[in-house]
C-alpha atoms as a PDB file:
ATOM      1  CA  MET A   1     134.230 -50.779 376.657  1.00  0.00           C
ATOM      2  CA  GLU A   2     130.618 -50.105 375.292  1.00  0.00           C
ATOM      3  CA  ASN A   3     131.461 -50.790 371.868  1.00  0.00           C
ATOM      4  CA  THR A   4     132.169 -53.786 372.953  1.00  0.00           C
ATOM      5  CA  HIS A   5     128.692 -54.347 374.809  1.00  0.00           C
ATOM      6  CA  ILE A   6     127.053 -53.513 372.071  1.00  0.00           C
ATOM      7  CA  VAL A   7     129.315 -55.534 368.549  1.00  0.00           C
ATOM      8  CA  SER A   8     128.833 -58.462 371.324  1.00  0.00           C
ATOM      9  CA  ALA A   9     125.318 -57.152 372.101  1.00  0.00           C
ATOM     10  CA  PHE A  10     124.722 -57.703 368.717  1.00  0.00           C
ATOM     11  CA  ASP A  11     126.178 -60.670 368.090  1.00  0.00           C
ATOM     12  CA  ASP A  12     124.476 -62.548 370.718  1.00  0.00           C
ATOM     13  CA  ASP A  13     120.916 -61.149 369.745  1.00  0.00           C
ATOM     14  CA  LEU A  14     122.199 -62.346 366.191  1.00  0.00           C
ATOM     15  CA  ASN A  15     123.522 -66.037 367.755  1.00  0.00           C
ATOM     16  CA  ASN A  16     120.168 -66.300 369.147  1.00  0.00           C
ATOM     17  CA  LEU A  17     117.822 -65.399 365.359  1.00  0.00           C
ATOM     18  CA  ASN A  18     120.035 -68.104 363.903  1.00  0.00           C
ATOM     19  CA  ALA A  19     119.435 -70.424 366.786  1.00  0.00           C
ATOM     20  CA  ARG A  20     115.564 -69.841 365.844  1.00  0.00           C
ATOM     21  CA  ILE A  21     115.783 -70.692 361.851  1.00  0.00           C
ATOM     22  CA  GLU A  22     117.515 -73.757 362.405  1.00  0.00           C
ATOM     23  CA  GLN A  23     115.169 -74.836 364.796  1.00  0.00           C
ATOM     24  CA  LEU A  24     112.427 -73.516 361.828  1.00  0.00           C
ATOM     25  CA  GLY A  25     114.497 -75.616 359.067  1.00  0.00           C
ATOM     26  CA  GLU A  26     114.240 -78.830 361.342  1.00  0.00           C
ATOM     27  CA  LEU A  27     110.844 -78.956 361.785  1.00  0.00           C
ATOM     28  CA  ALA A  28     109.910 -77.844 358.070  1.00  0.00           C
ATOM     29  CA  LYS A  29     111.870 -80.371 357.355  1.00  0.00           C
ATOM     30  CA  GLU A  30     110.536 -82.411 359.922  1.00  0.00           C
ATOM     31  CA  ARG A  31     106.830 -82.088 358.782  1.00  0.00           C
ATOM     32  CA  PHE A  32     108.312 -82.627 354.956  1.00  0.00           C
ATOM     33  CA  VAL A  33     109.348 -85.907 355.963  1.00  0.00           C
ATOM     34  CA  MET A  34     106.230 -87.031 357.641  1.00  0.00           C
ATOM     35  CA  ALA A  35     104.356 -85.735 354.814  1.00  0.00           C
ATOM     36  CA  LEU A  36     106.438 -87.729 352.596  1.00  0.00           C
ATOM     37  CA  ASP A  37     106.158 -91.374 354.713  1.00  0.00           C
ATOM     38  CA  ALA A  38     102.452 -90.384 354.237  1.00  0.00           C
ATOM     39  CA  ILE A  39     102.140 -90.361 351.064  1.00  0.00           C
ATOM     40  CA  ALA A  40     102.665 -94.425 350.399  1.00  0.00           C
ATOM     41  CA  THR A  41     100.719 -94.469 354.674  1.00  0.00           C
ATOM     42  CA  GLN A  42      97.871 -92.156 354.278  1.00  0.00           C
ATOM     43  CA  ASP A  43      97.459 -92.593 357.936  1.00  0.00           C
ATOM     44  CA  SER A  44      94.608 -90.242 358.373  1.00  0.00           C
ATOM     45  CA  LYS A  45      95.727 -88.629 362.023  1.00  0.00           C
ATOM     46  CA  THR A  46      99.402 -87.943 360.387  1.00  0.00           C
ATOM     47  CA  LEU A  47      98.198 -86.096 357.650  1.00  0.00           C
ATOM     48  CA  ASP A  48      95.788 -84.297 360.103  1.00  0.00           C
ATOM     49  CA  HIS A  49      98.864 -83.918 362.200  1.00  0.00           C
ATOM     50  CA  ILE A  50     101.053 -82.009 359.305  1.00  0.00           C
ATOM     51  CA  ILE A  51      98.272 -80.164 358.752  1.00  0.00           C
ATOM     52  CA  ALA A  52      97.233 -78.168 361.997  1.00  0.00           C
ATOM     53  CA  GLY A  53     100.620 -78.184 362.668  1.00  0.00           C
ATOM     54  CA  ASP A  54     101.546 -75.521 359.680  1.00  0.00           C
ATOM     55  CA  LYS A  55     100.276 -72.921 362.278  1.00  0.00           C
ATOM     56  CA  GLU A  56     103.243 -73.268 364.203  1.00  0.00           C
ATOM     57  CA  LEU A  57     105.626 -72.897 361.549  1.00  0.00           C
ATOM     58  CA  ASP A  58     103.289 -69.994 360.882  1.00  0.00           C
ATOM     59  CA  VAL A  59     104.014 -68.529 364.697  1.00  0.00           C
ATOM     60  CA  LEU A  60     107.877 -69.486 364.627  1.00  0.00           C
ATOM     61  CA  GLU A  61     108.747 -67.555 362.123  1.00  0.00           C
ATOM     62  CA  ALA A  62     106.391 -64.341 362.883  1.00  0.00           C
ATOM     63  CA  GLU A  63     108.373 -64.688 365.686  1.00  0.00           C
ATOM     64  CA  ILE A  64     112.082 -64.577 363.966  1.00  0.00           C
ATOM     65  CA  ILE A  65     110.745 -62.048 361.528  1.00  0.00           C
ATOM     66  CA  GLN A  66     110.025 -59.398 364.641  1.00  0.00           C
ATOM     67  CA  THR A  67     113.732 -60.102 365.907  1.00  0.00           C
ATOM     68  CA  ALA A  68     115.102 -59.348 363.045  1.00  0.00           C
ATOM     69  CA  PHE A  69     112.700 -56.115 362.824  1.00  0.00           C
ATOM     70  CA  GLU A  70     113.831 -55.259 367.134  1.00  0.00           C
ATOM     71  CA  ILE A  71     117.575 -56.100 365.940  1.00  0.00           C
ATOM     72  CA  ILE A  72     118.215 -53.533 363.037  1.00  0.00           C
ATOM     73  CA  ALA A  73     115.711 -51.094 365.705  1.00  0.00           C
ATOM     74  CA  LEU A  74     117.981 -51.522 368.236  1.00  0.00           C
ATOM     75  CA  ARG A  75     121.415 -51.916 366.728  1.00  0.00           C
ATOM     76  CA  SER A  76     121.252 -50.520 363.796  1.00  0.00           C
ATOM     77  CA  PRO A  77     123.663 -52.515 362.150  1.00  0.00           C
ATOM     78  CA  ARG A  78     125.069 -51.608 358.840  1.00  0.00           C
ATOM     79  CA  ALA A  79     126.309 -53.666 355.889  1.00  0.00           C
ATOM     80  CA  THR A  80     127.409 -57.022 356.439  1.00  0.00           C
ATOM     81  CA  ASP A  81     125.899 -56.910 359.424  1.00  0.00           C
ATOM     82  CA  LEU A  82     122.678 -55.417 358.186  1.00  0.00           C
ATOM     83  CA  ARG A  83     122.919 -58.425 355.533  1.00  0.00           C
ATOM     84  CA  ARG A  84     123.150 -60.729 357.778  1.00  0.00           C
ATOM     85  CA  VAL A  85     119.966 -60.612 359.397  1.00  0.00           C
ATOM     86  CA  MET A  86     118.235 -59.181 356.673  1.00  0.00           C
ATOM     87  CA  VAL A  87     119.081 -62.504 354.819  1.00  0.00           C
ATOM     88  CA  ALA A  88     118.162 -64.918 357.993  1.00  0.00           C
ATOM     89  CA  SER A  89     114.278 -63.257 357.135  1.00  0.00           C
ATOM     90  CA  LYS A  90     114.489 -64.355 354.203  1.00  0.00           C
ATOM     91  CA  ILE A  91     115.664 -67.557 354.570  1.00  0.00           C
ATOM     92  CA  ALA A  92     113.153 -67.716 358.056  1.00  0.00           C
ATOM     93  CA  THR A  93     110.794 -67.719 355.153  1.00  0.00           C
ATOM     94  CA  ILE A  94     111.528 -70.076 352.723  1.00  0.00           C
ATOM     95  CA  PHE A  95     111.314 -72.664 355.459  1.00  0.00           C
ATOM     96  CA  GLU A  96     107.854 -71.326 356.248  1.00  0.00           C
ATOM     97  CA  ARG A  97     107.012 -71.893 352.684  1.00  0.00           C
ATOM     98  CA  VAL A  98     108.610 -75.431 353.050  1.00  0.00           C
ATOM     99  CA  GLY A  99     105.576 -76.001 355.713  1.00  0.00           C
ATOM    100  CA  ASP A 100     102.933 -74.371 353.265  1.00  0.00           C
ATOM    101  CA  PHE A 101     104.051 -77.347 350.715  1.00  0.00           C
ATOM    102  CA  SER A 102     104.122 -79.656 352.952  1.00  0.00           C
ATOM    103  CA  LYS A 103     100.781 -79.719 354.258  1.00  0.00           C
ATOM    104  CA  ASN A 104      99.561 -78.932 350.423  1.00  0.00           C
ATOM    105  CA  ILE A 105     101.089 -82.706 350.327  1.00  0.00           C
ATOM    106  CA  ALA A 106      99.558 -83.578 353.338  1.00  0.00           C
ATOM    107  CA  ARG A 107      95.818 -82.697 351.631  1.00  0.00           C
ATOM    108  CA  ARG A 108      96.212 -83.815 348.846  1.00  0.00           C
ATOM    109  CA  THR A 109      97.096 -87.213 350.200  1.00  0.00           C
ATOM    110  CA  LYS A 110      94.027 -86.939 352.142  1.00  0.00           C
ATOM    111  CA  ALA A 111      92.308 -86.657 348.645  1.00  0.00           C
ATOM    112  CA  MET A 112      93.410 -89.392 347.227  1.00  0.00           C
ATOM    113  CA  ALA A 113      92.584 -91.436 350.289  1.00  0.00           C
ATOM    114  CA  ALA A 114      88.977 -90.846 350.159  1.00  0.00           C
ATOM    115  CA  SER A 115      89.173 -92.431 346.524  1.00  0.00           C
ATOM    116  CA  GLY A 116      90.172 -95.430 347.128  1.00  0.00           C
ATOM    117  CA  HIS A 117      93.627 -97.722 346.694  1.00  0.00           C
ATOM    118  CA  GLU A 118      92.747 -98.784 343.245  1.00  0.00           C
ATOM    119  CA  THR A 119      92.333 -95.558 342.049  1.00  0.00           C
ATOM    120  CA  ILE A 120      95.909 -94.629 342.202  1.00  0.00           C
ATOM    121  CA  PRO A 121      98.534 -94.841 339.516  1.00  0.00           C
ATOM    122  CA  ASP A 122     101.761 -96.836 340.812  1.00  0.00           C
ATOM    123  CA  VAL A 123     104.037 -94.736 340.444  1.00  0.00           C
ATOM    124  CA  ASN A 124     107.375 -93.866 342.736  1.00  0.00           C
ATOM    125  CA  ILE A 125     107.322 -90.352 344.273  1.00  0.00           C
ATOM    126  CA  GLY A 126     109.918 -91.578 346.560  1.00  0.00           C
ATOM    127  CA  ARG A 127     113.128 -90.523 344.621  1.00  0.00           C
ATOM    128  CA  MET A 128     111.895 -86.958 343.836  1.00  0.00           C
ATOM    129  CA  GLY A 129     110.835 -86.595 348.309  1.00  0.00           C
ATOM    130  CA  HIS A 130     114.286 -88.090 349.198  1.00  0.00           C
ATOM    131  CA  MET A 131     115.668 -85.627 346.769  1.00  0.00           C
ATOM    132  CA  ALA A 132     114.236 -82.624 347.628  1.00  0.00           C
ATOM    133  CA  GLU A 133     114.926 -83.636 351.108  1.00  0.00           C
ATOM    134  CA  LYS A 134     118.258 -83.623 350.611  1.00  0.00           C
ATOM    135  CA  MET A 135     117.953 -80.554 349.244  1.00  0.00           C
ATOM    136  CA  ILE A 136     117.274 -78.812 352.787  1.00  0.00           C
ATOM    137  CA  ASN A 137     119.601 -80.957 354.877  1.00  0.00           C
ATOM    138  CA  ASP A 138     122.105 -79.234 352.138  1.00  0.00           C
ATOM    139  CA  ALA A 139     121.031 -75.823 352.419  1.00  0.00           C
ATOM    140  CA  MET A 140     120.807 -75.918 356.144  1.00  0.00           C
ATOM    141  CA  LEU A 141     124.586 -76.885 356.671  1.00  0.00           C
ATOM    142  CA  ALA A 142     125.240 -74.367 354.257  1.00  0.00           C
ATOM    143  CA  TYR A 143     123.801 -72.085 356.180  1.00  0.00           C
ATOM    144  CA  HIS A 144     125.012 -72.537 359.483  1.00  0.00           C
ATOM    145  CA  ASN A 145     128.940 -73.207 358.091  1.00  0.00           C
ATOM    146  CA  LEU A 146     128.319 -70.070 355.381  1.00  0.00           C
ATOM    147  CA  ASP A 147     129.585 -72.593 352.817  1.00  0.00           C
ATOM    148  CA  ILE A 148     129.670 -70.503 349.626  1.00  0.00           C
ATOM    149  CA  LYS A 149     131.370 -73.379 347.111  1.00  0.00           C
ATOM    150  CA  ALA A 150     128.136 -75.636 349.409  1.00  0.00           C
ATOM    151  CA  ALA A 151     125.495 -73.470 348.420  1.00  0.00           C
ATOM    152  CA  ILE A 152     126.765 -73.046 345.020  1.00  0.00           C
ATOM    153  CA  GLU A 153     127.047 -77.294 344.316  1.00  0.00           C
ATOM    154  CA  LEU A 154     123.070 -76.835 346.531  1.00  0.00           C
ATOM    155  CA  ARG A 155     122.171 -74.571 343.627  1.00  0.00           C
ATOM    156  CA  ASN A 156     123.280 -76.458 340.869  1.00  0.00           C
ATOM    157  CA  SER A 157     122.316 -79.751 342.221  1.00  0.00           C
ATOM    158  CA  ASP A 158     118.569 -78.740 341.455  1.00  0.00           C
ATOM    159  CA  VAL A 159     118.858 -79.882 337.954  1.00  0.00           C
ATOM    160  CA  GLU A 160     118.620 -82.911 338.931  1.00  0.00           C
ATOM    161  CA  LEU A 161     115.383 -82.807 340.683  1.00  0.00           C
ATOM    162  CA  ASP A 162     114.032 -80.648 337.678  1.00  0.00           C
ATOM    163  CA  HIS A 163     114.456 -84.246 335.647  1.00  0.00           C
ATOM    164  CA  MET A 164     113.501 -86.219 338.705  1.00  0.00           C
ATOM    165  CA  HIS A 165     109.996 -84.050 338.112  1.00  0.00           C
ATOM    166  CA  THR A 166     109.715 -83.918 334.337  1.00  0.00           C
ATOM    167  CA  ALA A 167     109.758 -88.112 333.969  1.00  0.00           C
ATOM    168  CA  PHE A 168     107.356 -88.189 337.034  1.00  0.00           C
ATOM    169  CA  TYR A 169     104.989 -85.901 335.309  1.00  0.00           C
ATOM    170  CA  ASN A 170     105.151 -87.697 332.255  1.00  0.00           C
ATOM    171  CA  GLU A 171     104.223 -90.810 333.974  1.00  0.00           C
ATOM    172  CA  VAL A 172     101.864 -89.978 335.701  1.00  0.00           C
ATOM    173  CA  MET A 173      99.922 -88.392 332.788  1.00  0.00           C
ATOM    174  CA  ALA A 174     101.140 -91.464 330.239  1.00  0.00           C
ATOM    175  CA  MET A 175      99.199 -93.406 333.506  1.00  0.00           C
ATOM    176  CA  MET A 176      96.093 -90.846 333.391  1.00  0.00           C
ATOM    177  CA  THR A 177      95.500 -91.445 329.589  1.00  0.00           C
ATOM    178  CA  ASP A 178      95.545 -95.210 330.162  1.00  0.00           C
ATOM    179  CA  ASP A 179      93.545 -95.164 332.467  1.00  0.00           C
ATOM    180  CA  SER A 180      90.402 -93.313 332.938  1.00  0.00           C
ATOM    181  CA  LYS A 181      90.247 -94.464 336.819  1.00  0.00           C
ATOM    182  CA  VAL A 182      92.946 -93.058 338.347  1.00  0.00           C
ATOM    183  CA  VAL A 183      92.445 -89.589 336.686  1.00  0.00           C
ATOM    184  CA  GLY A 184      91.679 -88.240 339.487  1.00  0.00           C
ATOM    185  CA  SER A 185      93.853 -88.687 341.953  1.00  0.00           C
ATOM    186  CA  GLY A 186      96.764 -88.558 339.284  1.00  0.00           C
ATOM    187  CA  VAL A 187      95.990 -85.034 339.013  1.00  0.00           C
ATOM    188  CA  HIS A 188      96.579 -85.409 343.001  1.00  0.00           C
ATOM    189  CA  LEU A 189      99.800 -86.472 342.281  1.00  0.00           C
ATOM    190  CA  LEU A 190     101.302 -84.214 339.629  1.00  0.00           C
ATOM    191  CA  PHE A 191     100.455 -80.975 342.170  1.00  0.00           C
ATOM    192  CA  ILE A 192     102.536 -83.168 344.900  1.00  0.00           C
ATOM    193  CA  GLY A 193     105.123 -83.327 342.374  1.00  0.00           C
ATOM    194  CA  LYS A 194     104.972 -79.935 341.568  1.00  0.00           C
ATOM    195  CA  ASN A 195     105.319 -79.089 345.312  1.00  0.00           C
ATOM    196  CA  ILE A 196     108.834 -81.586 345.883  1.00  0.00           C
ATOM    197  CA  GLU A 197     110.115 -79.829 343.054  1.00  0.00           C
ATOM    198  CA  ARG A 198     109.381 -76.055 343.675  1.00  0.00           C
ATOM    199  CA  ILE A 199     110.899 -77.714 347.889  1.00  0.00           C
ATOM    200  CA  GLY A 200     114.165 -78.259 345.565  1.00  0.00           C
ATOM    201  CA  ASP A 201     113.417 -74.205 344.286  1.00  0.00           C
ATOM    202  CA  TYR A 202     113.197 -72.474 347.269  1.00  0.00           C
ATOM    203  CA  MET A 203     116.278 -74.115 348.493  1.00  0.00           C
ATOM    204  CA  THR A 204     118.492 -72.482 345.228  1.00  0.00           C
ATOM    205  CA  GLY A 205     116.829 -69.423 347.302  1.00  0.00           C
ATOM    206  CA  ILE A 206     118.641 -70.107 350.554  1.00  0.00           C
ATOM    207  CA  ALA A 207     122.157 -70.595 348.372  1.00  0.00           C
ATOM    208  CA  GLU A 208     122.051 -67.660 347.031  1.00  0.00           C
ATOM    209  CA  GLU A 209     120.689 -65.947 349.872  1.00  0.00           C
ATOM    210  CA  ILE A 210     124.105 -67.898 351.491  1.00  0.00           C
ATOM    211  CA  TYR A 211     126.545 -66.561 348.419  1.00  0.00           C
ATOM    212  CA  PHE A 212     125.002 -63.115 348.746  1.00  0.00           C
ATOM    213  CA  LEU A 213     125.747 -62.283 352.535  1.00  0.00           C
ATOM    214  CA  VAL A 214     129.171 -64.438 352.535  1.00  0.00           C
ATOM    215  CA  GLU A 215     130.419 -61.696 349.346  1.00  0.00           C
ATOM    216  CA  GLY A 216     127.949 -59.066 349.318  1.00  0.00           C
ATOM    217  CA  THR A 217     127.258 -59.518 345.269  1.00  0.00           C
ATOM    218  CA  GLN A 218     124.131 -61.777 343.613  1.00  0.00           C
ATOM    219  CA  LEU A 219     125.326 -64.910 341.655  1.00  0.00           C
ATOM    220  CA  GLU A 220     125.687 -63.266 338.057  1.00  0.00           C
ATOM    221  CA  ASP A 221     125.617 -66.630 335.866  1.00  0.00           C
ATOM    222  CA  GLU A 222     121.209 -67.948 334.810  1.00  0.00           C
ATOM    223  CA  ARG A 223     120.483 -70.866 337.435  1.00  0.00           C
ATOM    224  CA  PRO A 224     120.222 -74.542 335.513  1.00  0.00           C
ATOM    225  CA  LYS A 225     116.862 -75.509 335.211  1.00  0.00           C
ATOM    226  CA  ALA A 226     115.689 -78.282 333.396  1.00  0.00           C
ATOM    227  CA  ASP A 227     111.666 -79.092 334.194  1.00  0.00           C
ATOM    228  CA  LYS A 228     109.782 -79.227 331.517  1.00  0.00           C
ATOM    229  CA  SER A 229     106.071 -78.989 332.541  1.00  0.00           C
ATOM    230  CA  SER A 230     106.036 -75.569 334.511  1.00  0.00           C
ATOM    231  CA  SER A 231     103.951 -74.303 331.944  1.00  0.00           C
ATOM    232  CA  LYS A 232     101.390 -76.746 332.392  1.00  0.00           C
ATOM    233  CA  LEU A 233     101.317 -76.885 336.309  1.00  0.00           C
ATOM    234  CA  SER A 234     101.498 -74.129 338.881  1.00  0.00           C
END
């Protein structure tokens, strides 16, 4: 009876932990989508909200990690159960990083807005943003279902975002070369593009954590990678 109680208590703790992670994931996705929309609208209130609101994600991540430590201390989980707790805390940190990238995008967008619309290169960053948003959705769903097939597909899909980022990088660089007036905003756009590409990288990290959680081993094959601009901009 006592052992049953302990198992039930652990399951309740884990369910609560996962619910908080899903809350953090949804919040991170919301802030990222807001940041993408604000690139076009350059709405100052929205941008300030994204920047100031990053603290909310920081607090939630800290609470999740604290809860994970408490579960380990109180329940002393072993093997698979320990993996479940440790992976949960790692995924929380990844979602918090999405919030950081969204804040960076908002700050870069504010800087571009201050320079004036006529100095911003006419490029389309939306395709990259939508791809990254899809990867966030796929990561959350794969984690919720512990679906390793979906996790592997997510991991491999990052190559598509890499191709988009390389094309975007080359397009902005060409415009900066042709028109010196757009150089300042062009640099901000390059960093925004890199932030979006890095979100894709972090989603592949979640995919790999899901695989490790379910299988107990790391994915052995090297992750597909196609971005050619990483050595130029980081």
